[in-house]
Amino acid sequence: MPQFTWKGIKNGTYKEGVIEAKNEHEATYLVRKNHVIIYSVKSLEKQKNGKNIFAGLLPNEESQKNIKEKDVLVFTKKLTTMVRAGLPVVDTLALLADQIESKAFKKVLKQIHLDIESGNSVSVSFSKYDKLFGNIYINLVKAGEASGKLDTFLAKLVENLEKTAKIKANIKSALFYPVILLVVSLAVISIMLIYVVPIFVELFASVGGELPALTQMIMSASDYVRDPMRGGVTFVAIAVGLYMLKKQIQTNYNWRKKYHRMLLKLPLVGDLIIKSGLSKIGMILGNLSAAGVPLIEALEISTTSTDNIPLTEAMNNVKLGVFSGSPLSELFDKEEVIPSTFSQMIKVGEETGNMEEMFESISGYYQEELDNAVQRLTAMLEPIMIVFMGGTIGFIIIAMYLPIFQMGQMVG
């Protein structure tokens, strides 16, 4: 018999579990018999299949990587424009599927088109590809379909996707230039140690005499780097160690949690992560509230918008605290990782009774704060990397020219 997972409230406490039933309606009935207030019932089989949502549809697993967020954004923009113009969704999907360049995405859209033609609703057809579109996308489509204002909610969705893309672009732009400087610095230093310093070594060997300590140190470093059994093995060991550390962080929850906590404690970087996360959370809560999605479900969906574990755990604590009847502002205020400004703005929304508008204000505020944090991070990292590159290269040059300066003084 099919199994279903359920989530709800019983005696003021959050509960979840698995139940066997013939279909979703029977599962809902059976759970409600136990005096549970339900807000979610899902087929366990569909959830398992969701892990391989593209199986049988796409040529192989690698095809999933070919569907980029930019493709989804462009598709949604075109869909919004055509739906606003009065074209039926089923016809619009057929037209857009032919225009999409990505073969994997084209197959997904054609399958959605077939599902809608077969009698499925738009939201149900999209929900089969929740790994691609995400909970927020599907819930806004569902709300637009239910209210008869699909074009309005698609426009909100485009705005949501554009803001998310902007957040990612800002973070990438903040790190791009410093990373380039670091790579160039390491490349120049390596070239000097491997190719330039040996030339000076031959010169000093022909002259003879005792060399300064700085020069000897650079020469020893050059010998170490050029020796495959020392420098080569060290390089491989560092590369393997970093790879294993990365895998450990990806697979081990506790390691990943410690790593995320460490990131939050870094100057500016932690500020960037928090403001990026809160901007997306505010944006999602505002859009879902406007769509009529219940607060509990909206909080659960917004929790998935960030990958940072401390922030995710804070959102989970808030979600569970809602069942106790505590005000949302108090629940956010209890979480150390969330700034007091966030909870204070939530409190204003509660007092005025306009939470939807307040969530949008929160999103705009933290988006602006994020832009400022990105500028500060860029302003801090650029001079640091320039000083590092110039200082290291200058140190090597001075060390190698010291003996020549000494010889000039002796001749003088």
Protein backbone atom coordinates (compact mmCIF):
# COMPACT_ATOMS: atom_id res chain seq x y z
CA MET A 1 0.00 0.00 0.00
CA PRO A 2 1.31 3.53 -0.80
CA GLN A 3 2.91 5.52 2.02
CA PHE A 4 2.49 9.24 2.71
CA THR A 5 4.47 11.65 4.88
CA TRP A 6 2.46 14.20 6.85
CA LYS A 7 3.20 17.32 8.90
CA GLY A 8 0.86 19.13 11.24
CA ILE A 9 -0.03 20.29 14.74
CA LYS A 10 -1.40 18.18 17.59
CA ASN A 11 -2.11 19.64 21.03
CA GLY A 12 -0.13 22.77 20.11
CA THR A 13 2.97 20.74 19.16
CA TYR A 14 4.58 20.22 15.76
CA LYS A 15 4.26 16.60 14.59
CA GLU A 16 5.26 14.65 11.50
CA GLY A 17 5.13 11.01 10.44
CA VAL A 18 4.41 8.37 7.79
CA ILE A 19 1.07 6.65 7.17
CA GLU A 20 -0.18 3.99 4.76
CA ALA A 21 -3.28 4.77 2.68
CA LYS A 22 -4.82 4.12 -0.73
CA ASN A 23 -4.45 7.76 -1.80
CA GLU A 24 -3.72 11.26 -0.50
CA HIS A 25 -7.36 11.92 0.50
CA GLU A 26 -7.51 8.77 2.63
CA ALA A 27 -4.14 9.61 4.21
CA THR A 28 -5.44 13.08 5.13
CA TYR A 29 -8.62 11.58 6.61
CA LEU A 30 -6.72 9.02 8.70
CA VAL A 31 -4.33 11.60 10.12
CA ARG A 32 -7.16 14.02 10.96
CA LYS A 33 -8.91 11.22 12.88
CA ASN A 34 -6.02 11.45 15.34
CA HIS A 35 -6.91 15.12 16.03
CA VAL A 36 -4.02 16.49 13.96
CA ILE A 37 -4.28 19.85 12.20
CA ILE A 38 -2.66 19.06 8.83
CA TYR A 39 -0.79 21.46 6.63
CA SER A 40 1.15 18.99 4.44
CA VAL A 41 0.55 15.46 3.09
CA LYS A 42 2.90 14.12 0.39
CA SER A 43 3.37 10.79 -1.34
CA LEU A 44 6.57 9.09 -0.14
CA GLU A 45 6.97 7.36 -3.50
CA LYS A 46 6.92 10.69 -5.36
CA GLN A 47 9.50 12.09 -2.97
CA LYS A 48 11.81 9.15 -3.61
CA ASN A 49 11.34 9.49 -7.32
CA GLY A 50 12.07 13.18 -6.96
CA LYS A 51 15.69 12.33 -6.34
CA ASN A 52 15.87 11.12 -9.94
CA ILE A 53 13.26 13.45 -11.34
CA PHE A 54 14.92 13.51 -14.75
CA ALA A 55 15.33 9.74 -15.02
CA GLY A 56 13.77 8.44 -18.22
CA LEU A 57 13.32 11.97 -19.47
CA LEU A 58 16.84 13.27 -19.89
CA PRO A 59 19.60 11.34 -21.70
CA ASN A 60 21.82 11.09 -18.62
CA GLU A 61 22.56 12.65 -15.22
CA GLU A 62 25.01 15.13 -16.73
CA SER A 63 22.16 16.68 -18.70
CA GLN A 64 20.81 18.22 -15.50
CA LYS A 65 23.88 20.43 -15.29
CA ASN A 66 23.09 21.86 -18.71
CA ILE A 67 19.91 23.51 -17.36
CA LYS A 68 21.19 26.80 -16.00
CA GLU A 69 19.39 29.28 -13.76
CA LYS A 70 19.72 31.84 -16.55
CA ASP A 71 17.74 29.53 -18.88
CA VAL A 72 14.95 29.25 -16.31
CA LEU A 73 14.88 33.04 -15.84
CA VAL A 74 14.70 33.76 -19.60
CA PHE A 75 11.98 31.12 -20.02
CA THR A 76 9.92 32.60 -17.16
CA LYS A 77 10.21 36.11 -18.62
CA LYS A 78 8.95 34.93 -21.99
CA LEU A 79 6.18 32.89 -20.36
CA THR A 80 5.05 35.94 -18.36
CA THR A 81 4.96 38.17 -21.43
CA MET A 82 2.98 35.69 -23.51
CA VAL A 83 0.49 34.86 -20.75
CA ARG A 84 -0.10 38.60 -20.19
CA ALA A 85 -0.75 38.94 -23.91
CA GLY A 86 -3.59 36.44 -23.54
CA LEU A 87 -1.98 33.31 -25.02
CA PRO A 88 -3.02 30.00 -23.37
CA VAL A 89 -0.30 28.45 -21.22
CA VAL A 90 -0.33 25.18 -23.16
CA ASP A 91 0.27 26.99 -26.48
CA THR A 92 2.91 29.22 -24.91
CA LEU A 93 4.86 26.21 -23.60
CA ALA A 94 4.79 24.61 -27.06
CA LEU A 95 6.21 27.81 -28.62
CA LEU A 96 8.87 28.30 -25.94
CA ALA A 97 9.99 24.65 -26.04
CA ASP A 98 10.93 25.15 -29.70
CA GLN A 99 12.90 28.31 -28.87
CA ILE A 100 14.97 26.85 -26.03
CA GLU A 101 18.56 25.98 -27.02
CA SER A 102 19.26 23.62 -24.10
CA LYS A 103 18.24 20.11 -25.20
CA ALA A 104 17.65 18.99 -21.60
CA PHE A 105 15.43 21.99 -20.81
CA LYS A 106 13.60 21.57 -24.14
CA LYS A 107 12.66 18.00 -23.16
CA VAL A 108 11.44 19.14 -19.74
CA LEU A 109 9.20 21.82 -21.28
CA LYS A 110 7.82 19.43 -23.87
CA GLN A 111 6.95 16.95 -21.13
CA ILE A 112 5.23 19.70 -19.11
CA HIS A 113 3.30 20.66 -22.26
CA LEU A 114 2.16 17.05 -22.70
CA ASP A 115 1.11 16.81 -19.04
CA ILE A 116 -1.06 19.94 -19.31
CA GLU A 117 -2.58 18.69 -22.56
CA SER A 118 -3.39 15.42 -20.76
CA GLY A 119 -5.52 17.29 -18.22
CA ASN A 120 -3.05 18.06 -15.41
CA SER A 121 -3.02 21.54 -13.92
CA VAL A 122 -0.10 23.90 -14.64
CA SER A 123 1.21 23.77 -11.06
CA VAL A 124 1.04 19.96 -10.89
CA SER A 125 2.87 19.67 -14.22
CA PHE A 126 5.64 21.97 -12.99
CA SER A 127 5.79 20.25 -9.57
CA LYS A 128 7.08 17.06 -11.23
CA TYR A 129 10.34 18.98 -11.73
CA ASP A 130 10.65 20.57 -8.31
CA LYS A 131 14.39 19.87 -8.26
CA LEU A 132 14.76 22.16 -11.25
CA PHE A 133 12.23 24.91 -10.51
CA GLY A 134 12.16 24.80 -6.70
CA ASN A 135 9.40 25.07 -4.09
CA ILE A 136 9.04 28.84 -4.40
CA TYR A 137 8.54 28.72 -8.15
CA ILE A 138 5.93 25.97 -7.95
CA ASN A 139 4.01 27.55 -5.05
CA LEU A 140 3.74 30.91 -6.83
CA VAL A 141 2.54 29.18 -10.01
CA LYS A 142 0.00 27.27 -7.90
CA ALA A 143 -1.20 30.48 -6.22
CA GLY A 144 -1.49 32.29 -9.54
CA GLU A 145 -3.43 29.41 -11.05
CA ALA A 146 -5.80 29.18 -8.06
CA SER A 147 -6.49 32.94 -8.01
CA GLY A 148 -6.87 33.28 -11.77
CA LYS A 149 -3.98 35.78 -11.81
CA LEU A 150 -1.22 33.60 -13.21
CA ASP A 151 0.37 36.51 -15.10
CA THR A 152 0.61 38.58 -11.89
CA PHE A 153 2.32 35.82 -9.95
CA LEU A 154 4.60 34.97 -12.86
CA ALA A 155 5.71 38.62 -12.79
CA LYS A 156 6.47 38.23 -9.05
CA LEU A 157 8.39 35.09 -9.90
CA VAL A 158 10.50 36.93 -12.49
CA GLU A 159 11.26 39.62 -9.90
CA ASN A 160 12.19 36.92 -7.40
CA LEU A 161 14.54 35.17 -9.84
CA GLU A 162 16.16 38.45 -10.90
CA LYS A 163 16.83 39.49 -7.30
CA THR A 164 18.31 36.08 -6.50
CA ALA A 165 20.52 36.28 -9.59
CA LYS A 166 21.60 39.79 -8.56
CA ILE A 167 22.59 38.59 -5.08
CA LYS A 168 24.74 35.81 -6.56
CA ALA A 169 26.27 38.17 -9.13
CA ASN A 170 27.17 40.69 -6.40
CA ILE A 171 28.94 38.04 -4.33
CA LYS A 172 30.81 36.71 -7.38
CA SER A 173 31.90 40.19 -8.42
CA ALA A 174 33.21 40.86 -4.90
CA LEU A 175 35.42 37.77 -5.03
CA PHE A 176 36.41 37.79 -8.70
CA TYR A 177 39.13 40.45 -8.70
CA PRO A 178 40.83 39.35 -5.43
CA VAL A 179 40.87 35.72 -6.64
CA ILE A 180 42.45 36.79 -9.95
CA LEU A 181 45.09 38.75 -8.03
CA LEU A 182 45.82 35.76 -5.79
CA VAL A 183 46.20 33.40 -8.77
CA VAL A 184 48.49 35.86 -10.59
CA SER A 185 50.53 36.40 -7.42
CA LEU A 186 51.07 32.68 -6.88
CA ALA A 187 51.92 32.20 -10.58
CA VAL A 188 54.51 35.02 -10.55
CA ILE A 189 56.05 33.81 -7.28
CA SER A 190 56.27 30.24 -8.63
CA ILE A 191 57.92 31.42 -11.88
CA MET A 192 60.46 33.45 -9.93
CA LEU A 193 61.33 30.57 -7.59
CA ILE A 194 61.52 27.95 -10.37
CA TYR A 195 63.16 29.94 -13.21
CA VAL A 196 64.55 33.29 -12.03
CA VAL A 197 66.20 32.45 -8.69
CA PRO A 198 68.35 29.59 -10.18
CA ILE A 199 69.95 32.16 -12.53
CA PHE A 200 71.07 34.20 -9.53
CA VAL A 201 72.24 31.01 -7.80
CA GLU A 202 74.62 30.27 -10.69
CA LEU A 203 75.85 33.86 -10.65
CA PHE A 204 76.57 33.84 -6.90
CA ALA A 205 78.25 30.40 -7.13
CA SER A 206 80.73 31.74 -9.70
CA VAL A 207 81.56 34.75 -7.53
CA GLY A 208 81.83 32.89 -4.23
CA GLY A 209 81.62 34.33 -0.74
CA GLU A 210 79.05 34.14 2.03
CA LEU A 211 75.52 35.16 1.10
CA PRO A 212 73.06 37.15 3.29
CA ALA A 213 70.53 35.16 5.35
CA LEU A 214 67.58 36.46 3.30
CA THR A 215 69.22 35.34 0.05
CA GLN A 216 70.00 31.90 1.45
CA MET A 217 66.38 31.55 2.60
CA ILE A 218 65.01 32.33 -0.89
CA MET A 219 67.54 29.99 -2.50
CA SER A 220 66.51 27.19 -0.11
CA ALA A 221 62.85 27.83 -0.95
CA SER A 222 63.69 27.67 -4.66
CA ASP A 223 65.52 24.35 -4.20
CA TYR A 224 62.59 22.96 -2.23
CA VAL A 225 60.00 23.98 -4.83
CA ARG A 226 62.05 22.64 -7.77
CA ASP A 227 62.72 19.28 -6.10
CA PRO A 228 59.95 16.81 -7.18
CA MET A 229 60.47 14.69 -4.06
CA ARG A 230 59.98 17.64 -1.74
CA GLY A 231 58.10 20.48 -3.40
CA GLY A 232 56.20 18.17 -5.75
CA VAL A 233 55.12 15.81 -2.98
CA THR A 234 54.13 18.76 -0.75
CA PHE A 235 52.01 20.26 -3.55
CA VAL A 236 50.24 16.94 -4.17
CA ALA A 237 49.72 16.42 -0.42
CA ILE A 238 48.18 19.89 -0.05
CA ALA A 239 45.92 19.34 -3.08
CA VAL A 240 44.77 15.93 -1.80
CA GLY A 241 44.26 17.31 1.71
CA LEU A 242 42.11 20.19 0.44
CA TYR A 243 40.09 17.81 -1.75
CA MET A 244 39.48 15.44 1.18
CA LEU A 245 38.55 18.36 3.43
CA LYS A 246 36.07 19.60 0.82
CA LYS A 247 34.51 16.13 0.53
CA GLN A 248 34.33 15.81 4.31
CA ILE A 249 32.54 19.15 4.57
CA GLN A 250 30.12 18.16 1.80
CA THR A 251 29.26 14.75 3.30
CA ASN A 252 29.60 15.28 7.06
CA TYR A 253 26.87 17.46 8.58
CA ASN A 254 28.85 18.35 11.72
CA TRP A 255 31.92 19.38 9.73
CA ARG A 256 29.77 21.44 7.37
CA LYS A 257 28.06 23.10 10.32
CA LYS A 258 31.43 24.03 11.90
CA TYR A 259 32.66 25.35 8.55
CA HIS A 260 29.55 27.50 8.12
CA ARG A 261 29.90 28.84 11.67
CA MET A 262 33.53 29.71 10.94
CA LEU A 263 32.45 31.60 7.80
CA LEU A 264 29.95 33.64 9.83
CA LYS A 265 32.73 34.72 12.21
CA LEU A 266 34.99 36.02 9.41
CA PRO A 267 35.03 39.83 9.10
CA LEU A 268 32.74 41.08 6.31
CA VAL A 269 32.31 37.56 4.89
CA GLY A 270 29.93 36.56 7.69
CA ASP A 271 28.08 39.84 7.28
CA LEU A 272 27.76 39.12 3.55
CA ILE A 273 26.30 35.63 4.15
CA ILE A 274 23.75 36.82 6.73
CA LYS A 275 22.53 39.76 4.66
CA SER A 276 22.33 37.66 1.51
CA GLY A 277 20.29 35.01 3.36
CA LEU A 278 17.94 37.48 5.06
CA SER A 279 17.36 39.36 1.80
CA LYS A 280 16.21 36.14 0.11
CA ILE A 281 14.14 35.07 3.13
CA GLY A 282 12.33 38.42 3.26
CA MET A 283 11.71 38.35 -0.49
CA ILE A 284 10.33 34.79 -0.39
CA LEU A 285 8.12 35.39 2.66
CA GLY A 286 6.72 38.53 1.03
CA ASN A 287 5.92 36.77 -2.25
CA LEU A 288 4.39 33.73 -0.55
CA SER A 289 2.34 35.87 1.83
CA ALA A 290 0.97 37.78 -1.16
CA ALA A 291 0.13 34.45 -2.76
CA GLY A 292 -1.92 33.41 0.28
CA VAL A 293 0.46 30.63 1.34
CA PRO A 294 0.06 29.82 5.09
CA LEU A 295 2.82 31.24 7.31
CA ILE A 296 4.04 27.79 8.44
CA GLU A 297 4.44 26.59 4.89
CA ALA A 298 6.01 29.91 3.82
CA LEU A 299 8.59 29.62 6.62
CA GLU A 300 9.37 26.04 5.62
CA ILE A 301 9.87 27.03 1.99
CA SER A 302 11.99 30.08 2.87
CA THR A 303 14.22 27.86 5.03
CA THR A 304 15.39 26.09 1.87
CA SER A 305 16.54 29.39 0.31
CA THR A 306 19.84 29.38 2.22
CA ASP A 307 22.57 26.74 2.46
CA ASN A 308 24.12 28.12 5.64
CA ILE A 309 23.33 25.63 8.41
CA PRO A 310 23.24 28.06 11.42
CA LEU A 311 20.80 30.28 9.50
CA THR A 312 18.75 27.26 8.39
CA GLU A 313 18.57 25.97 11.98
CA ALA A 314 17.46 29.42 13.16
CA MET A 315 14.63 29.41 10.60
CA ASN A 316 13.61 25.89 11.70
CA ASN A 317 13.49 27.07 15.33
CA VAL A 318 11.26 29.97 14.31
CA LYS A 319 9.00 27.63 12.34
CA LEU A 320 8.60 25.29 15.33
CA GLY A 321 8.08 28.23 17.69
CA VAL A 322 5.10 29.45 15.65
CA PHE A 323 3.15 26.41 16.87
CA SER A 324 3.46 27.67 20.45
CA GLY A 325 1.63 30.85 19.52
CA SER A 326 4.57 33.21 20.14
CA PRO A 327 4.79 36.35 17.96
CA LEU A 328 7.06 35.99 14.96
CA SER A 329 9.19 38.97 16.04
CA GLU A 330 9.95 37.34 19.42
CA LEU A 331 10.92 34.07 17.77
CA PHE A 332 13.35 35.80 15.40
CA ASP A 333 14.73 37.89 18.28
CA LYS A 334 15.71 34.71 20.18
CA GLU A 335 18.03 33.57 17.38
CA GLU A 336 21.58 34.92 17.84
CA VAL A 337 22.49 34.52 14.18
CA ILE A 338 19.66 36.85 13.07
CA PRO A 339 20.26 40.60 13.63
CA SER A 340 17.89 42.50 15.91
CA THR A 341 17.00 44.83 13.02
CA PHE A 342 15.24 41.94 11.29
CA SER A 343 13.05 41.10 14.31
CA GLN A 344 12.29 44.80 14.95
CA MET A 345 11.05 45.27 11.39
CA ILE A 346 8.92 42.11 11.76
CA LYS A 347 7.47 43.59 14.97
CA VAL A 348 6.48 46.78 13.12
CA GLY A 349 4.72 44.63 10.51
CA GLU A 350 2.84 42.76 13.25
CA GLU A 351 1.73 46.00 14.89
CA THR A 352 0.55 47.57 11.62
CA GLY A 353 -1.00 44.31 10.37
CA ASN A 354 0.74 44.62 7.01
CA MET A 355 3.27 41.78 7.04
CA GLU A 356 3.37 41.41 3.26
CA GLU A 357 4.58 44.98 2.75
CA MET A 358 7.00 44.68 5.66
CA PHE A 359 8.58 41.53 4.22
CA GLU A 360 9.16 43.43 0.97
CA SER A 361 10.72 46.30 2.95
CA ILE A 362 12.97 43.83 4.78
CA SER A 363 14.08 42.32 1.48
CA GLY A 364 14.84 45.77 0.04
CA TYR A 365 16.70 46.86 3.18
CA TYR A 366 18.96 43.81 3.30
CA GLN A 367 19.49 43.94 -0.47
CA GLU A 368 20.85 47.46 -0.04
CA GLU A 369 22.90 46.37 2.97
CA LEU A 370 24.24 43.46 0.91
CA ASP A 371 25.34 45.83 -1.86
CA ASN A 372 27.17 47.95 0.72
CA ALA A 373 28.79 44.85 2.27
CA VAL A 374 29.98 43.72 -1.18
CA GLN A 375 31.54 47.14 -1.80
CA ARG A 376 33.28 47.07 1.58
CA LEU A 377 34.56 43.55 0.99
CA THR A 378 35.89 44.50 -2.44
CA ALA A 379 37.47 47.67 -1.06
CA MET A 380 39.19 45.64 1.68
CA LEU A 381 40.35 42.64 -0.35
CA GLU A 382 41.81 44.50 -3.35
CA PRO A 383 44.50 46.45 -1.43
CA ILE A 384 45.29 43.40 0.73
CA MET A 385 45.93 41.26 -2.36
CA ILE A 386 47.95 44.02 -4.05
CA VAL A 387 50.10 44.46 -0.92
CA PHE A 388 50.53 40.67 -0.65
CA MET A 389 51.59 40.36 -4.29
CA GLY A 390 53.85 43.41 -4.29
CA GLY A 391 55.34 42.63 -0.88
CA THR A 392 56.15 38.99 -1.65
CA ILE A 393 57.64 39.68 -5.08
CA GLY A 394 59.52 42.69 -3.73
CA PHE A 395 60.90 40.57 -0.87
CA ILE A 396 62.23 37.98 -3.33
CA ILE A 397 63.84 40.64 -5.56
CA ILE A 398 65.48 42.43 -2.62
CA ALA A 399 66.76 39.12 -1.23
CA MET A 400 68.35 38.19 -4.59
CA TYR A 401 69.91 41.62 -5.14
CA LEU A 402 71.35 41.98 -1.62
CA PRO A 403 74.61 40.16 -2.54
CA ILE A 404 75.01 42.41 -5.60
CA PHE A 405 74.55 45.50 -3.42
CA GLN A 406 77.16 44.15 -1.00
CA MET A 407 79.62 43.51 -3.83
CA GLY A 408 79.07 47.07 -5.07
CA GLN A 409 79.86 48.46 -1.62
CA MET A 410 83.04 46.35 -1.42
CA VAL A 411 84.18 47.56 -4.82
CA GLY A 412 83.41 51.13 -3.78
